[in-house]
Protein backbone atom coordinates (compact mmCIF):
# COMPACT_ATOMS: atom_id res chain seq x y z
CA UNK A 1 0.00 -0.05 0.15
CA UNK A 2 2.63 2.25 1.25
CA UNK A 3 4.74 2.14 -2.22
CA UNK A 4 1.47 2.24 -4.43
CA UNK A 5 0.66 5.37 -2.40
CA UNK A 6 4.22 6.84 -3.00
CA UNK A 7 3.83 5.99 -7.01
CA UNK A 8 0.96 8.30 -7.06
CA UNK A 9 2.45 10.99 -5.37
CA UNK A 10 5.83 10.78 -7.51
CA UNK A 11 3.01 10.44 -10.79
CA UNK A 12 1.36 13.43 -9.54
CA UNK A 13 4.40 15.76 -9.50
CA UNK A 14 6.40 14.35 -12.10
CA UNK A 15 9.20 13.24 -9.74
CA UNK A 16 11.69 10.16 -9.44
CA UNK A 17 10.76 7.42 -11.45
CA UNK A 18 8.03 9.26 -13.48
CA UNK A 19 10.47 12.10 -13.65
CA UNK A 20 9.24 14.71 -16.63
CA UNK A 21 11.11 13.65 -19.72
CA UNK A 22 12.69 10.00 -18.61
CA UNK A 23 10.46 8.24 -20.69
CA UNK A 24 12.81 4.98 -20.70
CA UNK A 25 12.54 4.72 -17.24
CA UNK A 26 8.87 5.40 -16.45
CA UNK A 27 7.21 2.13 -15.03
CA UNK A 28 4.38 2.40 -17.71
CA UNK A 29 2.60 -0.81 -16.29
CA UNK A 30 2.29 1.00 -12.75
CA UNK A 31 0.23 3.55 -14.62
CA UNK A 32 -2.20 1.39 -16.11
CA UNK A 33 -2.64 -0.43 -12.89
CA UNK A 34 -3.53 3.14 -11.05
CA UNK A 35 -6.30 3.17 -13.64
CA UNK A 36 -7.32 -0.04 -12.83
CA UNK A 37 -7.07 -0.21 -8.75
CA UNK A 38 -7.73 3.61 -7.71
CA UNK A 39 -10.50 4.72 -10.68
CA UNK A 40 -12.71 1.53 -9.28
CA UNK A 41 -12.80 3.45 -5.44
CA UNK A 42 -14.59 6.30 -6.94
CA UNK A 43 -16.86 4.01 -9.25
CA UNK A 44 -18.04 2.60 -5.71
CA UNK A 45 -19.03 6.19 -3.75
CA UNK A 46 -20.60 7.10 -7.10
CA UNK A 47 -22.90 3.74 -6.95
CA UNK A 48 -23.74 3.85 -3.28
CA UNK A 49 -26.29 6.83 -3.88
CA UNK A 50 -29.32 5.50 -1.79
CA UNK A 51 -27.66 2.75 -0.26
CA UNK A 52 -30.51 1.75 1.58
CA UNK A 53 -30.90 -2.61 0.54
CA UNK A 54 -29.00 -5.45 -0.54
CA UNK A 55 -29.99 -4.70 -3.94
CA UNK A 56 -28.47 -1.14 -4.30
CA UNK A 57 -25.15 -3.20 -2.93
CA UNK A 58 -24.74 -4.32 -6.52
CA UNK A 59 -24.79 -0.95 -8.38
CA UNK A 60 -22.03 0.17 -5.62
CA UNK A 61 -20.02 -3.18 -7.70
CA UNK A 62 -21.18 -2.29 -10.90
CA UNK A 63 -20.30 1.11 -11.04
CA UNK A 64 -17.03 0.29 -9.06
CA UNK A 65 -16.20 -2.05 -12.17
CA UNK A 66 -17.14 0.46 -15.01
CA UNK A 67 -15.30 3.57 -13.55
CA UNK A 68 -11.55 2.31 -15.43
CA UNK A 69 -13.73 1.15 -18.06
CA UNK A 70 -15.20 4.59 -18.77
CA UNK A 71 -11.76 6.03 -18.67
CA UNK A 72 -10.11 3.36 -20.94
CA UNK A 73 -12.88 2.83 -23.48
CA UNK A 74 -12.95 7.12 -23.90
CA UNK A 75 -9.12 6.54 -24.32
CA UNK A 76 -9.44 3.48 -26.61
CA UNK A 77 -11.98 5.54 -28.70
CA UNK A 78 -9.97 8.73 -29.27
CA UNK A 79 -6.91 7.14 -29.81
CA UNK A 80 -6.83 6.12 -33.37
CA UNK A 81 -7.70 10.09 -34.23
CA UNK A 82 -4.96 11.08 -32.05
CA UNK A 83 -2.59 8.72 -34.13
CA UNK A 84 -3.22 9.78 -37.22
CA UNK A 85 -2.84 13.83 -35.93
CA UNK A 86 0.08 12.74 -35.07
CA UNK A 87 1.24 11.39 -38.39
CA UNK A 88 0.14 14.42 -39.98
CA UNK A 89 2.11 16.84 -37.93
CA UNK A 90 5.08 14.81 -38.13
CA UNK A 91 5.40 14.03 -34.68
CA UNK A 92 5.16 9.84 -35.27
CA UNK A 93 8.30 9.38 -33.81
CA UNK A 94 7.51 11.01 -30.26
CA UNK A 95 4.61 9.45 -30.08
CA UNK A 96 5.65 6.50 -27.44
CA UNK A 97 6.38 9.61 -25.24
CA UNK A 98 2.38 11.24 -25.83
CA UNK A 99 1.01 8.07 -25.21
CA UNK A 100 2.68 7.74 -21.82
CA UNK A 101 1.90 11.19 -21.11
CA UNK A 102 -1.89 10.42 -22.00
CA UNK A 103 -1.91 7.57 -19.67
CA UNK A 104 -0.35 9.27 -16.74
CA UNK A 105 -2.89 11.94 -17.31
CA UNK A 106 -5.55 9.23 -17.16
CA UNK A 107 -3.75 8.11 -13.88
CA UNK A 108 -3.98 11.44 -12.35
CA UNK A 109 -7.44 11.72 -13.56
CA UNK A 110 -8.52 8.46 -11.65
CA UNK A 111 -6.54 9.91 -8.39
CA UNK A 112 -8.30 13.09 -8.58
CA UNK A 113 -11.39 11.37 -8.52
CA UNK A 114 -10.74 8.99 -5.31
CA UNK A 115 -9.14 11.67 -3.46
CA UNK A 116 -12.53 13.53 -3.85
CA UNK A 117 -14.65 10.33 -3.28
CA UNK A 118 -15.29 11.24 0.33
CA UNK A 119 -16.61 14.55 -0.71
CA UNK A 120 -18.90 12.65 -2.91
CA UNK A 121 -20.25 10.75 -0.44
CA UNK A 122 -20.64 13.46 1.98
CA UNK A 123 -22.95 15.20 -0.67
CA UNK A 124 -24.87 11.78 -0.49
CA UNK A 125 -25.76 12.14 3.29
CA UNK A 126 -26.97 15.59 2.57
CA UNK A 127 -29.48 14.87 -0.05
CA UNK A 128 -31.87 12.71 -1.47
CA UNK A 129 -32.16 14.22 -4.78
CA UNK A 130 -31.00 12.00 -7.95
CA UNK A 131 -30.73 14.79 -10.02
CA UNK A 132 -28.54 16.61 -7.64
CA UNK A 133 -26.32 13.37 -7.61
CA UNK A 134 -26.07 13.19 -10.89
CA UNK A 135 -24.80 17.10 -11.60
CA UNK A 136 -22.87 16.79 -8.39
CA UNK A 137 -20.71 13.41 -9.64
CA UNK A 138 -20.96 15.39 -13.67
CA UNK A 139 -19.13 18.26 -11.70
CA UNK A 140 -16.92 16.34 -9.91
CA UNK A 141 -15.62 14.75 -13.32
CA UNK A 142 -14.93 18.29 -14.15
CA UNK A 143 -12.64 18.81 -11.65
CA UNK A 144 -10.88 15.61 -11.92
CA UNK A 145 -10.82 16.19 -15.48
CA UNK A 146 -9.24 19.58 -15.06
CA UNK A 147 -6.36 17.65 -12.51
CA UNK A 148 -5.64 14.85 -15.25
CA UNK A 149 -5.27 17.63 -18.04
CA UNK A 150 -2.78 19.60 -15.47
CA UNK A 151 -0.79 15.99 -15.33
CA UNK A 152 -0.60 15.29 -18.81
CA UNK A 153 0.84 19.03 -19.83
CA UNK A 154 3.15 18.36 -17.22
CA UNK A 155 4.67 15.34 -19.33
CA UNK A 156 4.23 17.10 -22.36
CA UNK A 157 6.50 20.19 -21.50
CA UNK A 158 9.50 18.22 -23.05
CA UNK A 159 7.69 17.36 -26.54
CA UNK A 160 6.23 20.77 -26.69
CA UNK A 161 9.86 22.12 -26.38
CA UNK A 162 11.26 19.81 -28.55
CA UNK A 163 8.74 20.30 -31.11
CA UNK A 164 6.09 23.07 -30.86
CA UNK A 165 3.40 21.30 -33.16
CA UNK A 166 2.57 19.25 -29.93
CA UNK A 167 0.57 22.08 -28.37
CA UNK A 168 -1.64 21.47 -31.53
CA UNK A 169 -1.93 17.99 -30.44
CA UNK A 170 -2.22 18.72 -26.97
CA UNK A 171 -4.77 20.82 -27.45
CA UNK A 172 -6.37 18.47 -29.90
CA UNK A 173 -6.14 15.38 -27.17
CA UNK A 174 -8.40 17.65 -24.73
CA UNK A 175 -11.04 18.81 -27.08
CA UNK A 176 -11.61 14.96 -28.41
CA UNK A 177 -11.49 13.08 -24.80
CA UNK A 178 -14.13 16.09 -23.15
CA UNK A 179 -16.33 15.41 -26.85
CA UNK A 180 -16.20 11.79 -26.50
CA UNK A 181 -16.10 11.23 -22.57
CA UNK A 182 -19.69 12.92 -21.79
CA UNK A 183 -21.30 11.01 -24.55
CA UNK A 184 -19.39 7.26 -23.30
CA UNK A 185 -20.26 8.13 -19.83
CA UNK A 186 -23.58 8.54 -21.05
CA UNK A 187 -23.91 5.11 -23.17
CA UNK A 188 -22.33 3.28 -20.06
CA UNK A 189 -25.09 4.54 -17.62
CA UNK A 190 -26.19 3.85 -14.76
CA UNK A 191 -23.25 4.92 -12.80
CA UNK A 192 -24.91 6.64 -9.83
CA UNK A 193 -28.09 4.41 -10.43
CA UNK A 194 -31.60 5.44 -9.56
CA UNK A 195 -32.91 3.68 -6.58
CA UNK A 196 -36.27 3.72 -8.27
CA UNK A 197 -35.28 1.30 -10.30
CA UNK A 198 -33.41 -2.22 -10.63
CA UNK A 199 -29.90 -2.17 -10.41
CA UNK A 200 -28.12 -3.04 -13.66
CA UNK A 201 -24.76 -3.01 -15.09
CA UNK A 202 -26.00 -1.18 -18.16
CA UNK A 203 -29.24 0.96 -18.99
CA UNK A 204 -31.98 -0.78 -21.01
CA UNK A 205 -32.90 2.23 -23.08
CA UNK A 206 -31.81 3.23 -27.05
CA UNK A 207 -28.91 5.62 -27.21
CA UNK A 208 -29.66 9.00 -26.87
CA UNK A 209 -27.56 12.08 -27.30
CA UNK A 210 -25.84 12.82 -23.99
CA UNK A 211 -25.22 16.49 -24.46
CA UNK A 212 -29.31 17.35 -24.59
CA UNK A 213 -29.56 15.10 -21.69
CA UNK A 214 -27.21 17.12 -19.93
CA UNK A 215 -28.75 20.22 -20.66
CA UNK A 216 -32.30 19.20 -19.95
CA UNK A 217 -30.74 18.14 -16.41
CA UNK A 218 -29.51 21.42 -15.73
CA UNK A 219 -32.21 23.22 -16.63
CA UNK A 220 -34.78 20.80 -14.49
CA UNK A 221 -32.89 21.63 -11.49
């Protein structure tokens, strides 16, 4: 446990094994492990809304499993476009380092989410509004995503210093990831899970536009 926490700290600060610029020395498998281990912690908290029966425990497990799935699936969908963009910009030689920076950002996002888990649980204790729980989790994801972007930017500094075109690739990644991530989260719902419905891994509903739903949710609140 102590080693894992130390690795998380080093990753966030870009020091020691995760020193910025030290691509060949970076234990990339630890980055993936952090995502797979830490992200479920917030997923479980997210699914604990209205936890008043054994049935709702299933939602805790489901959401814990789906949290890293959301992050990794969104990354996988964005990678082909990112690969082509790097090729067009003449940045293919730095692709390995770029991908490591992106994974470090995903790990940073996961750590930020886990750190905000107690805040989310406190919010659940303070209100019984399902709509409010959805909006609060959306806000938490936005904050964690910002933290993840800061981590990616830190690991991207040597790349940008080497070739300024990496800045274009980085900003494009931010926009692409946000656009895909919102829709992916909607497709993989439920994460919070309505206490008035049976807990399921996926919602048995036709696909719809997440942006329209979010707008209506905010307008309704």
